[in-house]
């Protein structure tokens, strides 16, 4: 199974090359038969089921409650937004339980 990981809008960084990579590239360029075998690498990434579920959840087009978002924006601008620390803590404990495998 091949899985593509998106950059989520982040800029792509160039891959760093080392001197070993450069010497291998020069050797491959010097011998045409070596370039075809050197170019065929078999890199694989195996994702766990939870990683796949997380990827699916993050790529899902969940509906956004635009009215609630606007309400929070207005409260933030007015300085009246109240943070519910207990609700945040309870959600973090619940998430930790889900990640750890216990519910």
C-alpha atoms as a PDB file:
ATOM      1  CA  UNK A   1       0.000   0.000   0.000  1.00  0.00           C
ATOM      2  CA  UNK A   2       1.426   3.362  -0.985  1.00  0.00           C
ATOM      3  CA  UNK A   3       0.484   6.374   1.101  1.00  0.00           C
ATOM      4  CA  UNK A   4       1.240   9.945   0.156  1.00  0.00           C
ATOM      5  CA  UNK A   5       1.806  12.433   2.949  1.00  0.00           C
ATOM      6  CA  UNK A   6       0.860  15.967   1.998  1.00  0.00           C
ATOM      7  CA  UNK A   7       2.857  19.002   3.037  1.00  0.00           C
ATOM      8  CA  UNK A   8      -0.293  20.742   4.365  1.00  0.00           C
ATOM      9  CA  UNK A   9       0.694  23.927   2.557  1.00  0.00           C
ATOM     10  CA  UNK A  10       4.227  24.009   3.940  1.00  0.00           C
ATOM     11  CA  UNK A  11       7.039  24.787   1.512  1.00  0.00           C
ATOM     12  CA  UNK A  12       9.014  21.837   0.233  1.00  0.00           C
ATOM     13  CA  UNK A  13      12.609  21.876   1.430  1.00  0.00           C
ATOM     14  CA  UNK A  14      15.408  20.673  -0.834  1.00  0.00           C
ATOM     15  CA  UNK A  15      16.917  17.343   0.098  1.00  0.00           C
ATOM     16  CA  UNK A  16      20.413  17.551   1.500  1.00  0.00           C
ATOM     17  CA  UNK A  17      23.103  15.713  -0.401  1.00  0.00           C
ATOM     18  CA  UNK A  18      26.165  14.267   1.206  1.00  0.00           C
ATOM     19  CA  UNK A  19      29.582  13.648  -0.251  1.00  0.00           C
ATOM     20  CA  UNK A  20      28.745   9.939  -0.432  1.00  0.00           C
ATOM     21  CA  UNK A  21      25.675  10.796  -2.513  1.00  0.00           C
ATOM     22  CA  UNK A  22      27.760  12.992  -4.798  1.00  0.00           C
ATOM     23  CA  UNK A  23      30.430  10.340  -5.336  1.00  0.00           C
ATOM     24  CA  UNK A  24      27.756   7.715  -6.024  1.00  0.00           C
ATOM     25  CA  UNK A  25      26.129  10.030  -8.553  1.00  0.00           C
ATOM     26  CA  UNK A  26      29.458  10.671 -10.252  1.00  0.00           C
ATOM     27  CA  UNK A  27      30.212   6.939 -10.394  1.00  0.00           C
ATOM     28  CA  UNK A  28      26.745   6.226 -11.779  1.00  0.00           C
ATOM     29  CA  UNK A  29      27.179   8.901 -14.430  1.00  0.00           C
ATOM     30  CA  UNK A  30      30.522   7.443 -15.464  1.00  0.00           C
ATOM     31  CA  UNK A  31      29.106   3.941 -15.969  1.00  0.00           C
ATOM     32  CA  UNK A  32      25.719   3.812 -17.753  1.00  0.00           C
ATOM     33  CA  UNK A  33      24.893   0.300 -16.501  1.00  0.00           C
ATOM     34  CA  UNK A  34      25.379   1.386 -12.882  1.00  0.00           C
ATOM     35  CA  UNK A  35      22.997   4.319 -13.248  1.00  0.00           C
ATOM     36  CA  UNK A  36      20.018   2.110 -14.024  1.00  0.00           C
ATOM     37  CA  UNK A  37      20.613  -0.166 -11.035  1.00  0.00           C
ATOM     38  CA  UNK A  38      21.467   2.711  -8.677  1.00  0.00           C
ATOM     39  CA  UNK A  39      18.288   4.593  -9.600  1.00  0.00           C
ATOM     40  CA  UNK A  40      16.051   1.674  -8.627  1.00  0.00           C
ATOM     41  CA  UNK A  41      15.816   1.847  -4.859  1.00  0.00           C
ATOM     42  CA  UNK A  42      13.035   0.143  -2.973  1.00  0.00           C
ATOM     43  CA  UNK A  43      12.198   2.583  -0.181  1.00  0.00           C
ATOM     44  CA  UNK A  44       9.026   1.797   1.720  1.00  0.00           C
ATOM     45  CA  UNK A  45       7.119   3.310   4.615  1.00  0.00           C
ATOM     46  CA  UNK A  46       4.710   1.184   6.619  1.00  0.00           C
ATOM     47  CA  UNK A  47       2.048   3.081   8.537  1.00  0.00           C
ATOM     48  CA  UNK A  48       0.275   1.683  11.567  1.00  0.00           C
ATOM     49  CA  UNK A  49      -3.499   1.465  11.616  1.00  0.00           C
ATOM     50  CA  UNK A  50      -3.684   4.420  14.012  1.00  0.00           C
ATOM     51  CA  UNK A  51      -1.461   6.500  11.691  1.00  0.00           C
ATOM     52  CA  UNK A  52      -3.779   5.683   8.773  1.00  0.00           C
ATOM     53  CA  UNK A  53      -6.818   6.632  10.860  1.00  0.00           C
ATOM     54  CA  UNK A  54      -5.167   9.905  11.859  1.00  0.00           C
ATOM     55  CA  UNK A  55      -4.352  10.670   8.227  1.00  0.00           C
ATOM     56  CA  UNK A  56      -7.920   9.930   7.158  1.00  0.00           C
ATOM     57  CA  UNK A  57      -9.320  12.097   9.954  1.00  0.00           C
ATOM     58  CA  UNK A  58      -7.042  15.014   9.088  1.00  0.00           C
ATOM     59  CA  UNK A  59      -7.917  14.835   5.403  1.00  0.00           C
ATOM     60  CA  UNK A  60     -11.660  14.526   5.968  1.00  0.00           C
ATOM     61  CA  UNK A  61     -13.715  17.503   4.930  1.00  0.00           C
ATOM     62  CA  UNK A  62     -15.483  17.955   8.237  1.00  0.00           C
ATOM     63  CA  UNK A  63     -18.155  20.642   8.257  1.00  0.00           C
ATOM     64  CA  UNK A  64     -17.137  23.906   9.930  1.00  0.00           C
ATOM     65  CA  UNK A  65     -19.618  25.773  12.108  1.00  0.00           C
ATOM     66  CA  UNK A  66     -18.942  29.188  10.592  1.00  0.00           C
ATOM     67  CA  UNK A  67     -21.374  30.869  12.993  1.00  0.00           C
ATOM     68  CA  UNK A  68     -19.433  29.560  16.011  1.00  0.00           C
ATOM     69  CA  UNK A  69     -16.105  30.539  14.428  1.00  0.00           C
ATOM     70  CA  UNK A  70     -17.379  34.070  13.876  1.00  0.00           C
ATOM     71  CA  UNK A  71     -18.680  34.257  17.444  1.00  0.00           C
ATOM     72  CA  UNK A  72     -15.277  33.212  18.830  1.00  0.00           C
ATOM     73  CA  UNK A  73     -13.512  35.747  16.574  1.00  0.00           C
ATOM     74  CA  UNK A  74     -15.715  38.515  17.942  1.00  0.00           C
ATOM     75  CA  UNK A  75     -15.117  37.417  21.548  1.00  0.00           C
ATOM     76  CA  UNK A  76     -11.354  37.330  20.965  1.00  0.00           C
ATOM     77  CA  UNK A  77     -11.406  40.793  19.403  1.00  0.00           C
ATOM     78  CA  UNK A  78     -13.450  42.163  22.323  1.00  0.00           C
ATOM     79  CA  UNK A  79     -11.291  40.397  24.927  1.00  0.00           C
ATOM     80  CA  UNK A  80     -14.266  38.529  26.364  1.00  0.00           C
ATOM     81  CA  UNK A  81     -13.365  34.967  25.288  1.00  0.00           C
ATOM     82  CA  UNK A  82     -13.145  32.655  28.302  1.00  0.00           C
ATOM     83  CA  UNK A  83     -10.955  29.532  28.208  1.00  0.00           C
ATOM     84  CA  UNK A  84     -12.442  26.490  29.936  1.00  0.00           C
ATOM     85  CA  UNK A  85      -9.310  24.836  31.341  1.00  0.00           C
ATOM     86  CA  UNK A  86     -11.263  21.872  32.758  1.00  0.00           C
ATOM     87  CA  UNK A  87     -12.795  21.034  29.377  1.00  0.00           C
ATOM     88  CA  UNK A  88      -9.377  21.240  27.714  1.00  0.00           C
ATOM     89  CA  UNK A  89      -7.802  19.017  30.382  1.00  0.00           C
ATOM     90  CA  UNK A  90     -10.598  16.449  30.098  1.00  0.00           C
ATOM     91  CA  UNK A  91     -10.229  16.363  26.320  1.00  0.00           C
ATOM     92  CA  UNK A  92      -6.465  15.882  26.602  1.00  0.00           C
ATOM     93  CA  UNK A  93      -6.912  13.017  29.080  1.00  0.00           C
ATOM     94  CA  UNK A  94      -9.451  11.408  26.752  1.00  0.00           C
ATOM     95  CA  UNK A  95      -7.121  11.797  23.767  1.00  0.00           C
ATOM     96  CA  UNK A  96      -4.229  10.318  25.754  1.00  0.00           C
ATOM     97  CA  UNK A  97      -6.403   7.314  26.558  1.00  0.00           C
ATOM     98  CA  UNK A  98      -7.282   6.858  22.897  1.00  0.00           C
ATOM     99  CA  UNK A  99      -3.655   7.119  21.804  1.00  0.00           C
ATOM    100  CA  UNK A 100      -2.525   4.716  24.523  1.00  0.00           C
ATOM    101  CA  UNK A 101      -5.185   2.192  23.543  1.00  0.00           C
ATOM    102  CA  UNK A 102      -7.354   2.469  26.664  1.00  0.00           C
ATOM    103  CA  UNK A 103     -10.678   4.230  26.722  1.00  0.00           C
END
